[in-house]
C-alpha atoms as a PDB file:
ATOM      1  CA  MET A   1      -0.041   0.048   0.002  1.00  0.00           C
ATOM      2  CA  PRO A   2       1.353   3.424  -0.760  1.00  0.00           C
ATOM      3  CA  GLU A   3       2.611   5.441   1.819  1.00  0.00           C
ATOM      4  CA  LYS A   4       0.286   8.659   2.319  1.00  0.00           C
ATOM      5  CA  ASN A   5       1.644  12.053   2.724  1.00  0.00           C
ATOM      6  CA  LYS A   6       1.095  13.892   6.660  1.00  0.00           C
ATOM      7  CA  LYS A   7      -1.447  16.350   5.356  1.00  0.00           C
ATOM      8  CA  GLU A   8      -3.669  13.341   3.914  1.00  0.00           C
ATOM      9  CA  GLN A   9      -3.296  11.367   6.656  1.00  0.00           C
ATOM     10  CA  LYS A  10      -4.708  14.199   8.776  1.00  0.00           C
ATOM     11  CA  GLY A  11      -7.587  14.212   6.864  1.00  0.00           C
ATOM     12  CA  VAL A  12      -7.063  17.276   4.614  1.00  0.00           C
ATOM     13  CA  THR A  13     -10.328  17.282   2.009  1.00  0.00           C
ATOM     14  CA  GLU A  14     -10.239  18.420  -1.194  1.00  0.00           C
ATOM     15  CA  ALA A  15     -11.967  21.617  -0.694  1.00  0.00           C
ATOM     16  CA  GLN A  16      -9.703  22.190   2.082  1.00  0.00           C
ATOM     17  CA  LYS A  17      -6.574  21.806  -0.330  1.00  0.00           C
ATOM     18  CA  ARG A  18      -8.395  23.990  -3.258  1.00  0.00           C
ATOM     19  CA  ALA A  19      -9.314  26.638  -0.720  1.00  0.00           C
ATOM     20  CA  THR A  20      -5.586  26.769   0.342  1.00  0.00           C
ATOM     21  CA  ARG A  21      -4.433  27.049  -3.353  1.00  0.00           C
ATOM     22  CA  THR A  22      -6.928  29.859  -3.914  1.00  0.00           C
ATOM     23  CA  TYR A  23      -5.690  31.617  -0.849  1.00  0.00           C
ATOM     24  CA  MET A  24      -1.969  31.109  -1.751  1.00  0.00           C
ATOM     25  CA  GLN A  25      -2.157  32.318  -5.297  1.00  0.00           C
ATOM     26  CA  LYS A  26      -2.729  36.049  -3.899  1.00  0.00           C
ATOM     27  CA  TYR A  27       0.843  35.892  -2.376  1.00  0.00           C
ATOM     28  CA  CYS A  28       4.373  35.398  -3.663  1.00  0.00           C
ATOM     29  CA  GLU A  29       7.701  34.313  -1.569  1.00  0.00           C
ATOM     30  CA  VAL A  30      10.622  36.849  -0.963  1.00  0.00           C
ATOM     31  CA  LYS A  31      13.623  34.654   0.300  1.00  0.00           C
ATOM     32  CA  VAL A  32      15.564  36.368   2.793  1.00  0.00           C
ATOM     33  CA  ARG A  33      18.918  34.944   3.740  1.00  0.00           C
ATOM     34  CA  MET A  34      20.322  35.070   7.113  1.00  0.00           C
ATOM     35  CA  THR A  35      22.269  32.931   9.625  1.00  0.00           C
ATOM     36  CA  PRO A  36      20.344  30.519  11.763  1.00  0.00           C
ATOM     37  CA  ASP A  37      21.288  32.622  15.094  1.00  0.00           C
ATOM     38  CA  ARG A  38      19.697  35.533  13.434  1.00  0.00           C
ATOM     39  CA  ARG A  39      16.382  33.680  12.503  1.00  0.00           C
ATOM     40  CA  SER A  40      15.881  32.688  16.063  1.00  0.00           C
ATOM     41  CA  GLU A  41      16.519  36.157  17.178  1.00  0.00           C
ATOM     42  CA  VAL A  42      13.753  37.279  14.586  1.00  0.00           C
ATOM     43  CA  GLN A  43      11.706  34.490  15.579  1.00  0.00           C
ATOM     44  CA  GLU A  44      12.148  35.152  19.500  1.00  0.00           C
ATOM     45  CA  HIS A  45      11.289  38.942  19.010  1.00  0.00           C
ATOM     46  CA  ALA A  46       8.172  38.009  16.883  1.00  0.00           C
ATOM     47  CA  ALA A  47       6.747  35.750  19.721  1.00  0.00           C
ATOM     48  CA  THR A  48       7.374  38.680  22.200  1.00  0.00           C
ATOM     49  CA  MET A  49       5.111  40.859  20.554  1.00  0.00           C
ATOM     50  CA  GLU A  50       2.720  38.222  19.963  1.00  0.00           C
ATOM     51  CA  GLU A  51       2.565  38.169  16.289  1.00  0.00           C
ATOM     52  CA  SER A  52       4.217  35.663  13.730  1.00  0.00           C
ATOM     53  CA  THR A  53       7.648  36.080  12.148  1.00  0.00           C
ATOM     54  CA  THR A  54       5.698  36.667   8.914  1.00  0.00           C
ATOM     55  CA  ALA A  55       3.704  39.507  10.502  1.00  0.00           C
ATOM     56  CA  PHE A  56       6.522  41.038  12.117  1.00  0.00           C
ATOM     57  CA  ILE A  57       8.857  40.940   9.205  1.00  0.00           C
ATOM     58  CA  ASN A  58       5.853  42.929   7.049  1.00  0.00           C
ATOM     59  CA  ARG A  59       5.252  45.235  10.165  1.00  0.00           C
ATOM     60  CA  ALA A  60       9.116  45.974  10.088  1.00  0.00           C
ATOM     61  CA  ILE A  61       8.953  46.726   6.437  1.00  0.00           C
ATOM     62  CA  ASP A  62       5.805  48.612   6.259  1.00  0.00           C
ATOM     63  CA  GLU A  63       7.166  50.906   9.262  1.00  0.00           C
ATOM     64  CA  THR A  64      10.543  51.462   7.609  1.00  0.00           C
ATOM     65  CA  MET A  65       9.162  52.361   4.227  1.00  0.00           C
ATOM     66  CA  GLU A  66       6.880  55.017   6.319  1.00  0.00           C
ATOM     67  CA  ARG A  67       9.648  56.380   8.120  1.00  0.00           C
ATOM     68  CA  ASP A  68      11.846  56.594   4.622  1.00  0.00           C
ATOM     69  CA  LYS A  69       8.866  58.463   2.974  1.00  0.00           C
ATOM     70  CA  LYS A  70       9.112  60.969   5.933  1.00  0.00           C
ATOM     71  CA  LYS A  71      12.709  61.401   5.463  1.00  0.00           C
ATOM     72  CA  ARG A  72      12.238  62.063   1.374  1.00  0.00           C
ATOM     73  CA  LYS A  73       9.829  64.972   2.089  1.00  0.00           C
ATOM     74  CA  LYS A  74      11.913  66.970   4.331  1.00  0.00           C
END
């Protein structure tokens, strides 16, 4: 008997798979390279702020872009 992948074993329905694909089509990935220690530091900081690592990175980008726009106007 062929081995099922872990998601199939947990009972992921076809509707859930379609919903995930539809959701993911709205986004793209951006790779950021950092050392494992730096990654851990970022993850820990995000956790202390009670947000995901992705949410923290997006917030940091947004805040930096806003700050840069203000500097440019001066």
